[in-house]
Amino acid sequence: MSKKNESLGKTIGVVIALCLVCSIIVSGAAIGLRPMQERNAALDMQRNILDAAGLLQADTNVTELYNQRVEEKVVSLQDYSVIPQDQVPSGFESARKAANDAALSHNVPKSEDIAGLGTQENLTTIYFIKDEQGQTQSVVLHIRGQGLWGTIYGLIALKDDYNTVRGVNFYEHSETPGLGGEIQNPNWVQTWQGKEIYGDDNDKVLFQLVKGGASGEHQVDALSGATLTSNGVTNLIQFWMGPHGYGPLLDKLRQGELING
């Protein structure tokens, strides 16, 4: 009996030792790979921004073009001011992470939360796209909202009238392939180009996805068989371009503020 107990004890000891060794190896690998993962994530976001701005080509050197043509600014979504780099809170990495940080976000009242956000970041990064002469030709903004199965994450580029769509990129979602997943279809995405977000006075968001054939400068065809996804996209655009999203910021940009701020 004692020998059996001794054998069982040795087996358990070996298993525990192996588990400890494996956990150390896995933890070490995760820590060692983290910088590479972060670089890859940053590169992927740069690619998404260039794509939304209409600058991404098959042979594009993403980092080089991004550094030449994109200027990043951290902006407060509470008073719509530019935050100097040395005053950006140490915990701020991205709008997405800030939205999940209680210290860097706020709850969106249900009466305003047409995009189904729950919480909204207090700070975000916006991207000014420059032409070859260094003049601002468009701005790229983070957008997100609830689709059928989860959050849709995207970027929208507006021309320098801060109304006309230059491009859009829904880079992450969990919508149904072949239905709501068509928000990534290049042919459909292209139909956004040249559409307008606001009416003539820039104070009301008129943009929407419509069923049965879009007409006019404020409409894009809804996705066939994906009503809830299409409604979600309309809602997220109307929220983020409205008074509780980027609306006041875009007003400032039309007045020439923030460009050199």
C-alpha atoms as a PDB file:
ATOM      1  CA  MET A   1       0.000   0.000   0.000  1.00  0.00           C
ATOM      2  CA  SER A   2       2.787   2.374   0.892  1.00  0.00           C
ATOM      3  CA  LYS A   3       4.509   1.647  -2.407  1.00  0.00           C
ATOM      4  CA  LYS A   4       1.316   2.481  -4.292  1.00  0.00           C
ATOM      5  CA  ASN A   5       0.989   5.746  -2.386  1.00  0.00           C
ATOM      6  CA  GLU A   6       4.620   6.531  -3.061  1.00  0.00           C
ATOM      7  CA  SER A   7       4.167   5.807  -6.774  1.00  0.00           C
ATOM      8  CA  LEU A   8       1.017   7.976  -6.905  1.00  0.00           C
ATOM      9  CA  GLY A   9       2.800  10.772  -5.094  1.00  0.00           C
ATOM     10  CA  LYS A  10       5.689  10.671  -7.564  1.00  0.00           C
ATOM     11  CA  THR A  11       3.282  10.739 -10.504  1.00  0.00           C
ATOM     12  CA  ILE A  12       1.444  13.749  -9.112  1.00  0.00           C
ATOM     13  CA  GLY A  13       4.758  15.467  -8.425  1.00  0.00           C
ATOM     14  CA  VAL A  14       5.941  14.901 -12.006  1.00  0.00           C
ATOM     15  CA  VAL A  15       2.637  16.203 -13.391  1.00  0.00           C
ATOM     16  CA  ILE A  16       2.831  19.326 -11.245  1.00  0.00           C
ATOM     17  CA  ALA A  17       6.444  19.911 -12.261  1.00  0.00           C
ATOM     18  CA  LEU A  18       5.577  19.534 -15.939  1.00  0.00           C
ATOM     19  CA  CYS A  19       2.655  21.944 -15.546  1.00  0.00           C
ATOM     20  CA  LEU A  20       4.917  24.512 -13.908  1.00  0.00           C
ATOM     21  CA  VAL A  21       7.554  24.173 -16.622  1.00  0.00           C
ATOM     22  CA  CYS A  22       4.931  24.466 -19.386  1.00  0.00           C
ATOM     23  CA  SER A  23       3.343  27.501 -17.767  1.00  0.00           C
ATOM     24  CA  ILE A  24       6.731  29.203 -17.507  1.00  0.00           C
ATOM     25  CA  ILE A  25       7.452  28.464 -21.177  1.00  0.00           C
ATOM     26  CA  VAL A  26       4.026  29.731 -22.315  1.00  0.00           C
ATOM     27  CA  SER A  27       4.275  32.861 -20.167  1.00  0.00           C
ATOM     28  CA  GLY A  28       7.769  33.570 -21.441  1.00  0.00           C
ATOM     29  CA  ALA A  29       6.685  33.116 -25.039  1.00  0.00           C
ATOM     30  CA  ALA A  30       3.697  35.427 -24.551  1.00  0.00           C
ATOM     31  CA  ILE A  31       5.873  38.119 -23.018  1.00  0.00           C
ATOM     32  CA  GLY A  32       8.546  37.700 -25.671  1.00  0.00           C
ATOM     33  CA  LEU A  33       6.057  37.851 -28.545  1.00  0.00           C
ATOM     34  CA  ARG A  34       4.081  40.814 -27.199  1.00  0.00           C
ATOM     35  CA  PRO A  35       6.240  43.529 -28.830  1.00  0.00           C
ATOM     36  CA  MET A  36       5.917  41.770 -32.201  1.00  0.00           C
ATOM     37  CA  GLN A  37       2.161  41.430 -31.758  1.00  0.00           C
ATOM     38  CA  GLU A  38       1.859  45.109 -30.893  1.00  0.00           C
ATOM     39  CA  ARG A  39       3.906  46.100 -33.953  1.00  0.00           C
ATOM     40  CA  ASN A  40       1.760  43.918 -36.181  1.00  0.00           C
ATOM     41  CA  ALA A  41      -1.438  45.400 -34.703  1.00  0.00           C
ATOM     42  CA  ALA A  42      -0.132  48.945 -35.272  1.00  0.00           C
ATOM     43  CA  LEU A  43       0.832  48.102 -38.852  1.00  0.00           C
ATOM     44  CA  ASP A  44      -2.582  46.574 -39.480  1.00  0.00           C
ATOM     45  CA  MET A  45      -4.300  49.738 -38.214  1.00  0.00           C
ATOM     46  CA  GLN A  46      -2.088  51.887 -40.431  1.00  0.00           C
ATOM     47  CA  ARG A  47      -3.118  49.724 -43.385  1.00  0.00           C
ATOM     48  CA  ASN A  48      -6.797  50.148 -42.467  1.00  0.00           C
ATOM     49  CA  ILE A  49      -6.431  53.925 -42.220  1.00  0.00           C
ATOM     50  CA  LEU A  50      -4.722  54.180 -45.604  1.00  0.00           C
ATOM     51  CA  ASP A  51      -7.393  51.940 -47.109  1.00  0.00           C
ATOM     52  CA  ALA A  52     -10.216  54.118 -45.767  1.00  0.00           C
ATOM     53  CA  ALA A  53      -8.442  57.179 -47.195  1.00  0.00           C
ATOM     54  CA  GLY A  54      -8.145  55.534 -50.620  1.00  0.00           C
ATOM     55  CA  LEU A  55      -4.345  55.417 -50.547  1.00  0.00           C
ATOM     56  CA  LEU A  56      -3.701  51.699 -50.170  1.00  0.00           C
ATOM     57  CA  GLN A  57      -2.420  49.822 -53.207  1.00  0.00           C
ATOM     58  CA  ALA A  58      -1.200  46.241 -53.580  1.00  0.00           C
ATOM     59  CA  ASP A  59       2.443  47.337 -53.604  1.00  0.00           C
ATOM     60  CA  THR A  60       2.156  50.070 -50.956  1.00  0.00           C
ATOM     61  CA  ASN A  61       4.941  50.357 -48.400  1.00  0.00           C
ATOM     62  CA  VAL A  62       2.503  50.927 -45.566  1.00  0.00           C
ATOM     63  CA  THR A  63       4.862  52.368 -42.969  1.00  0.00           C
ATOM     64  CA  GLU A  64       6.608  54.694 -45.402  1.00  0.00           C
ATOM     65  CA  LEU A  65       3.392  56.055 -46.916  1.00  0.00           C
ATOM     66  CA  TYR A  66       1.754  56.392 -43.516  1.00  0.00           C
ATOM     67  CA  ASN A  67       4.652  58.424 -42.151  1.00  0.00           C
ATOM     68  CA  GLN A  68       4.607  60.657 -45.233  1.00  0.00           C
ATOM     69  CA  ARG A  69       0.880  61.299 -45.506  1.00  0.00           C
ATOM     70  CA  VAL A  70      -0.757  60.843 -42.097  1.00  0.00           C
ATOM     71  CA  GLU A  71      -0.724  63.166 -39.097  1.00  0.00           C
ATOM     72  CA  GLU A  72      -2.171  61.793 -35.860  1.00  0.00           C
ATOM     73  CA  LYS A  73      -3.815  63.936 -33.212  1.00  0.00           C
ATOM     74  CA  VAL A  74      -5.356  62.896 -29.908  1.00  0.00           C
ATOM     75  CA  VAL A  75      -8.615  64.770 -29.382  1.00  0.00           C
ATOM     76  CA  SER A  76     -10.979  65.115 -26.443  1.00  0.00           C
ATOM     77  CA  LEU A  77     -14.540  64.061 -27.228  1.00  0.00           C
ATOM     78  CA  GLN A  78     -15.717  66.153 -24.281  1.00  0.00           C
ATOM     79  CA  ASP A  79     -14.546  69.617 -25.332  1.00  0.00           C
ATOM     80  CA  TYR A  80     -13.203  68.746 -28.828  1.00  0.00           C
ATOM     81  CA  SER A  81      -9.745  70.116 -28.208  1.00  0.00           C
ATOM     82  CA  VAL A  82      -6.392  68.681 -29.277  1.00  0.00           C
ATOM     83  CA  ILE A  83      -4.484  67.104 -26.394  1.00  0.00           C
ATOM     84  CA  PRO A  84      -0.751  67.906 -26.527  1.00  0.00           C
ATOM     85  CA  GLN A  85       1.338  64.755 -26.634  1.00  0.00           C
ATOM     86  CA  ASP A  86       2.907  65.422 -23.247  1.00  0.00           C
ATOM     87  CA  GLN A  87      -0.567  65.742 -21.683  1.00  0.00           C
ATOM     88  CA  VAL A  88      -2.095  62.546 -23.049  1.00  0.00           C
ATOM     89  CA  PRO A  89      -2.982  60.302 -20.066  1.00  0.00           C
ATOM     90  CA  SER A  90      -0.474  57.504 -19.631  1.00  0.00           C
ATOM     91  CA  GLY A  91      -3.214  54.877 -19.824  1.00  0.00           C
ATOM     92  CA  PHE A  92      -4.452  55.991 -23.249  1.00  0.00           C
ATOM     93  CA  GLU A  93      -3.406  53.682 -26.081  1.00  0.00           C
ATOM     94  CA  SER A  94      -6.379  53.731 -28.445  1.00  0.00           C
ATOM     95  CA  ALA A  95     -10.021  54.759 -28.613  1.00  0.00           C
ATOM     96  CA  ARG A  96     -11.063  51.124 -28.437  1.00  0.00           C
ATOM     97  CA  LYS A  97      -9.173  50.429 -25.231  1.00  0.00           C
ATOM     98  CA  ALA A  98     -10.228  53.750 -23.719  1.00  0.00           C
ATOM     99  CA  ALA A  99     -13.904  52.841 -24.206  1.00  0.00           C
ATOM    100  CA  ASN A 100     -13.344  49.866 -21.872  1.00  0.00           C
ATOM    101  CA  ASP A 101     -11.431  51.875 -19.255  1.00  0.00           C
ATOM    102  CA  ALA A 102     -13.663  53.476 -16.623  1.00  0.00           C
ATOM    103  CA  ALA A 103     -11.119  56.257 -16.088  1.00  0.00           C
ATOM    104  CA  LEU A 104     -11.072  57.175 -19.787  1.00  0.00           C
ATOM    105  CA  SER A 105     -14.721  56.719 -20.753  1.00  0.00           C
ATOM    106  CA  HIS A 106     -18.288  57.508 -19.779  1.00  0.00           C
ATOM    107  CA  ASN A 107     -21.645  55.761 -19.971  1.00  0.00           C
ATOM    108  CA  VAL A 108     -23.813  56.746 -22.926  1.00  0.00           C
ATOM    109  CA  PRO A 109     -27.409  57.514 -21.860  1.00  0.00           C
ATOM    110  CA  LYS A 110     -29.826  55.001 -23.364  1.00  0.00           C
ATOM    111  CA  SER A 111     -31.818  57.822 -24.943  1.00  0.00           C
ATOM    112  CA  GLU A 112     -28.731  58.782 -26.981  1.00  0.00           C
ATOM    113  CA  ASP A 113     -27.190  55.361 -27.540  1.00  0.00           C
ATOM    114  CA  ILE A 114     -28.605  54.524 -30.978  1.00  0.00           C
ATOM    115  CA  ALA A 115     -25.350  52.732 -31.860  1.00  0.00           C
ATOM    116  CA  GLY A 116     -25.529  50.401 -28.851  1.00  0.00           C
ATOM    117  CA  LEU A 117     -22.155  51.458 -27.446  1.00  0.00           C
ATOM    118  CA  GLY A 118     -22.803  51.303 -23.722  1.00  0.00           C
ATOM    119  CA  THR A 119     -19.681  53.339 -23.010  1.00  0.00           C
ATOM    120  CA  GLN A 120     -17.896  55.980 -25.082  1.00  0.00           C
ATOM    121  CA  GLU A 121     -14.242  56.956 -24.899  1.00  0.00           C
ATOM    122  CA  ASN A 122     -13.342  60.445 -23.673  1.00  0.00           C
ATOM    123  CA  LEU A 123     -10.326  60.615 -25.980  1.00  0.00           C
ATOM    124  CA  THR A 124      -9.734  59.383 -29.502  1.00  0.00           C
ATOM    125  CA  THR A 125      -7.103  59.606 -32.203  1.00  0.00           C
ATOM    126  CA  ILE A 126      -8.011  61.255 -35.504  1.00  0.00           C
ATOM    127  CA  TYR A 127      -5.921  61.080 -38.649  1.00  0.00           C
ATOM    128  CA  PHE A 128      -5.311  63.980 -41.027  1.00  0.00           C
ATOM    129  CA  ILE A 129      -4.433  62.760 -44.509  1.00  0.00           C
ATOM    130  CA  LYS A 130      -2.052  65.088 -46.350  1.00  0.00           C
ATOM    131  CA  ASP A 131      -1.487  65.464 -50.060  1.00  0.00           C
ATOM    132  CA  GLU A 132       2.005  65.486 -51.528  1.00  0.00           C
ATOM    133  CA  GLN A 133       2.298  69.217 -50.787  1.00  0.00           C
ATOM    134  CA  GLY A 134       1.446  68.677 -47.125  1.00  0.00           C
ATOM    135  CA  GLN A 135      -2.073  70.116 -47.288  1.00  0.00           C
ATOM    136  CA  THR A 136      -4.915  68.341 -45.505  1.00  0.00           C
ATOM    137  CA  GLN A 137      -7.142  66.558 -48.010  1.00  0.00           C
ATOM    138  CA  SER A 138      -9.242  64.433 -45.642  1.00  0.00           C
ATOM    139  CA  VAL A 139      -9.685  63.224 -42.087  1.00  0.00           C
ATOM    140  CA  VAL A 140     -10.131  59.620 -40.938  1.00  0.00           C
ATOM    141  CA  LEU A 141     -12.265  58.861 -37.867  1.00  0.00           C
ATOM    142  CA  HIS A 142     -12.912  55.763 -35.779  1.00  0.00           C
ATOM    143  CA  ILE A 143     -16.513  54.514 -35.818  1.00  0.00           C
ATOM    144  CA  ARG A 144     -18.186  51.526 -34.216  1.00  0.00           C
ATOM    145  CA  GLY A 145     -21.605  50.226 -33.270  1.00  0.00           C
ATOM    146  CA  GLN A 146     -23.724  47.166 -32.674  1.00  0.00           C
ATOM    147  CA  GLY A 147     -24.472  44.895 -35.617  1.00  0.00           C
ATOM    148  CA  LEU A 148     -26.476  41.675 -35.618  1.00  0.00           C
ATOM    149  CA  TRP A 149     -23.960  39.517 -33.721  1.00  0.00           C
ATOM    150  CA  GLY A 150     -21.550  41.964 -32.153  1.00  0.00           C
ATOM    151  CA  THR A 151     -19.694  45.221 -32.491  1.00  0.00           C
ATOM    152  CA  ILE A 152     -18.767  46.487 -35.942  1.00  0.00           C
ATOM    153  CA  TYR A 153     -15.474  48.427 -35.972  1.00  0.00           C
ATOM    154  CA  GLY A 154     -14.619  50.753 -38.805  1.00  0.00           C
ATOM    155  CA  LEU A 155     -12.990  53.895 -40.103  1.00  0.00           C
ATOM    156  CA  ILE A 156     -14.556  56.607 -42.234  1.00  0.00           C
ATOM    157  CA  ALA A 157     -12.652  59.162 -44.299  1.00  0.00           C
ATOM    158  CA  LEU A 158     -14.240  62.531 -45.062  1.00  0.00           C
ATOM    159  CA  LYS A 159     -12.948  64.979 -47.640  1.00  0.00           C
ATOM    160  CA  ASP A 160     -11.805  68.425 -46.555  1.00  0.00           C
ATOM    161  CA  ASP A 161     -15.378  69.761 -46.601  1.00  0.00           C
ATOM    162  CA  TYR A 162     -15.863  67.355 -43.650  1.00  0.00           C
ATOM    163  CA  ASN A 163     -19.095  66.149 -45.170  1.00  0.00           C
ATOM    164  CA  THR A 164     -18.332  64.130 -48.318  1.00  0.00           C
ATOM    165  CA  VAL A 165     -17.274  60.512 -47.848  1.00  0.00           C
ATOM    166  CA  ARG A 166     -13.901  59.682 -49.335  1.00  0.00           C
ATOM    167  CA  GLY A 167     -13.951  56.075 -48.194  1.00  0.00           C
ATOM    168  CA  VAL A 168     -14.925  53.640 -45.453  1.00  0.00           C
ATOM    169  CA  ASN A 169     -13.389  50.480 -44.041  1.00  0.00           C
ATOM    170  CA  PHE A 170     -15.257  48.101 -41.726  1.00  0.00           C
ATOM    171  CA  TYR A 171     -12.202  46.162 -40.656  1.00  0.00           C
ATOM    172  CA  GLU A 172     -13.609  43.988 -37.861  1.00  0.00           C
ATOM    173  CA  HIS A 173     -17.023  42.443 -37.283  1.00  0.00           C
ATOM    174  CA  SER A 174     -18.833  39.194 -36.522  1.00  0.00           C
ATOM    175  CA  GLU A 175     -21.636  39.533 -39.078  1.00  0.00           C
ATOM    176  CA  THR A 176     -22.913  36.586 -41.109  1.00  0.00           C
ATOM    177  CA  PRO A 177     -20.698  35.724 -44.112  1.00  0.00           C
ATOM    178  CA  GLY A 178     -22.460  36.442 -47.388  1.00  0.00           C
ATOM    179  CA  LEU A 179     -25.065  38.633 -45.693  1.00  0.00           C
ATOM    180  CA  GLY A 180     -24.028  41.226 -43.094  1.00  0.00           C
ATOM    181  CA  GLY A 181     -20.423  40.259 -43.784  1.00  0.00           C
ATOM    182  CA  GLU A 182     -20.769  42.054 -47.122  1.00  0.00           C
ATOM    183  CA  ILE A 183     -19.895  45.283 -45.315  1.00  0.00           C
ATOM    184  CA  GLN A 184     -16.344  44.357 -46.353  1.00  0.00           C
ATOM    185  CA  ASN A 185     -17.243  43.772 -49.995  1.00  0.00           C
ATOM    186  CA  PRO A 186     -15.100  46.240 -52.012  1.00  0.00           C
ATOM    187  CA  ASN A 187     -17.894  46.767 -54.556  1.00  0.00           C
ATOM    188  CA  TRP A 188     -20.350  47.801 -51.846  1.00  0.00           C
ATOM    189  CA  VAL A 189     -17.788  49.883 -49.961  1.00  0.00           C
ATOM    190  CA  GLN A 190     -17.067  51.804 -53.170  1.00  0.00           C
ATOM    191  CA  THR A 191     -20.696  52.964 -53.340  1.00  0.00           C
ATOM    192  CA  TRP A 192     -20.037  55.143 -50.281  1.00  0.00           C
ATOM    193  CA  GLN A 193     -17.561  57.333 -52.135  1.00  0.00           C
ATOM    194  CA  GLY A 194     -18.930  60.799 -52.851  1.00  0.00           C
ATOM    195  CA  LYS A 195     -21.952  60.404 -50.570  1.00  0.00           C
ATOM    196  CA  GLU A 196     -22.697  63.201 -48.112  1.00  0.00           C
ATOM    197  CA  ILE A 197     -23.303  62.873 -44.388  1.00  0.00           C
ATOM    198  CA  TYR A 198     -25.114  66.156 -43.742  1.00  0.00           C
ATOM    199  CA  GLY A 199     -27.673  68.414 -45.358  1.00  0.00           C
ATOM    200  CA  ASP A 200     -26.817  71.822 -46.765  1.00  0.00           C
ATOM    201  CA  ASP A 201     -26.464  73.456 -43.333  1.00  0.00           C
ATOM    202  CA  ASN A 202     -24.277  70.651 -41.890  1.00  0.00           C
ATOM    203  CA  ASP A 203     -26.416  70.415 -38.752  1.00  0.00           C
ATOM    204  CA  LYS A 204     -28.406  67.237 -39.422  1.00  0.00           C
ATOM    205  CA  VAL A 205     -27.134  63.767 -40.289  1.00  0.00           C
ATOM    206  CA  LEU A 206     -29.067  62.630 -43.367  1.00  0.00           C
ATOM    207  CA  PHE A 207     -26.919  59.652 -44.363  1.00  0.00           C
ATOM    208  CA  GLN A 208     -28.603  56.239 -44.258  1.00  0.00           C
ATOM    209  CA  LEU A 209     -28.683  52.780 -45.794  1.00  0.00           C
ATOM    210  CA  VAL A 210     -31.972  52.159 -47.607  1.00  0.00           C
ATOM    211  CA  LYS A 211     -33.674  49.068 -49.009  1.00  0.00           C
ATOM    212  CA  GLY A 212     -34.888  48.901 -52.560  1.00  0.00           C
ATOM    213  CA  GLY A 213     -32.405  51.173 -54.276  1.00  0.00           C
ATOM    214  CA  ALA A 214     -30.562  54.190 -52.912  1.00  0.00           C
ATOM    215  CA  SER A 215     -31.084  57.556 -54.542  1.00  0.00           C
ATOM    216  CA  GLY A 216     -29.486  60.911 -53.920  1.00  0.00           C
ATOM    217  CA  GLU A 217     -26.298  61.963 -52.235  1.00  0.00           C
ATOM    218  CA  HIS A 218     -27.232  60.806 -48.720  1.00  0.00           C
ATOM    219  CA  GLN A 219     -28.138  57.172 -49.373  1.00  0.00           C
ATOM    220  CA  VAL A 220     -26.334  53.862 -49.881  1.00  0.00           C
ATOM    221  CA  ASP A 221     -28.016  50.579 -50.772  1.00  0.00           C
ATOM    222  CA  ALA A 222     -28.754  48.401 -47.742  1.00  0.00           C
ATOM    223  CA  LEU A 223     -27.188  44.958 -47.693  1.00  0.00           C
ATOM    224  CA  SER A 224     -29.435  42.318 -49.227  1.00  0.00           C
ATOM    225  CA  GLY A 225     -30.805  39.924 -46.592  1.00  0.00           C
ATOM    226  CA  ALA A 226     -29.061  41.787 -43.756  1.00  0.00           C
ATOM    227  CA  THR A 227     -31.582  44.273 -42.419  1.00  0.00           C
ATOM    228  CA  LEU A 228     -30.253  44.340 -38.863  1.00  0.00           C
ATOM    229  CA  THR A 229     -26.655  44.823 -39.991  1.00  0.00           C
ATOM    230  CA  SER A 230     -27.752  47.612 -42.360  1.00  0.00           C
ATOM    231  CA  ASN A 231     -29.725  49.282 -39.567  1.00  0.00           C
ATOM    232  CA  GLY A 232     -26.708  48.976 -37.307  1.00  0.00           C
ATOM    233  CA  VAL A 233     -24.471  50.689 -39.862  1.00  0.00           C
ATOM    234  CA  THR A 234     -26.993  53.519 -40.304  1.00  0.00           C
ATOM    235  CA  ASN A 235     -27.239  53.927 -36.531  1.00  0.00           C
ATOM    236  CA  LEU A 236     -23.489  53.995 -35.939  1.00  0.00           C
ATOM    237  CA  ILE A 237     -22.982  56.615 -38.663  1.00  0.00           C
ATOM    238  CA  GLN A 238     -25.812  58.756 -37.322  1.00  0.00           C
ATOM    239  CA  PHE A 239     -24.420  58.530 -33.786  1.00  0.00           C
ATOM    240  CA  TRP A 240     -20.771  59.227 -34.571  1.00  0.00           C
ATOM    241  CA  MET A 241     -21.502  62.012 -37.050  1.00  0.00           C
ATOM    242  CA  GLY A 242     -24.070  63.558 -34.708  1.00  0.00           C
ATOM    243  CA  PRO A 243     -23.879  65.916 -31.710  1.00  0.00           C
ATOM    244  CA  HIS A 244     -22.717  63.220 -29.275  1.00  0.00           C
ATOM    245  CA  GLY A 245     -19.988  61.965 -31.595  1.00  0.00           C
ATOM    246  CA  TYR A 246     -17.844  63.934 -34.040  1.00  0.00           C
ATOM    247  CA  GLY A 247     -20.419  66.557 -35.056  1.00  0.00           C
ATOM    248  CA  PRO A 248     -18.938  69.430 -32.974  1.00  0.00           C
ATOM    249  CA  LEU A 249     -15.412  68.372 -33.950  1.00  0.00           C
ATOM    250  CA  LEU A 250     -16.264  68.539 -37.654  1.00  0.00           C
ATOM    251  CA  ASP A 251     -17.790  71.992 -37.122  1.00  0.00           C
ATOM    252  CA  LYS A 252     -14.446  73.127 -35.711  1.00  0.00           C
ATOM    253  CA  LEU A 253     -12.604  71.667 -38.665  1.00  0.00           C
ATOM    254  CA  ARG A 254     -14.850  73.525 -41.120  1.00  0.00           C
ATOM    255  CA  GLN A 255     -13.951  76.709 -39.282  1.00  0.00           C
ATOM    256  CA  GLY A 256     -10.264  75.964 -39.755  1.00  0.00           C
ATOM    257  CA  GLU A 257      -9.582  74.919 -36.176  1.00  0.00           C
ATOM    258  CA  LEU A 258      -7.543  71.901 -35.072  1.00  0.00           C
ATOM    259  CA  ILE A 259      -5.744  71.604 -38.422  1.00  0.00           C
ATOM    260  CA  ASN A 260      -2.731  73.335 -36.969  1.00  0.00           C
ATOM    261  CA  GLY A 261      -3.754  72.901 -33.374  1.00  0.00           C
END
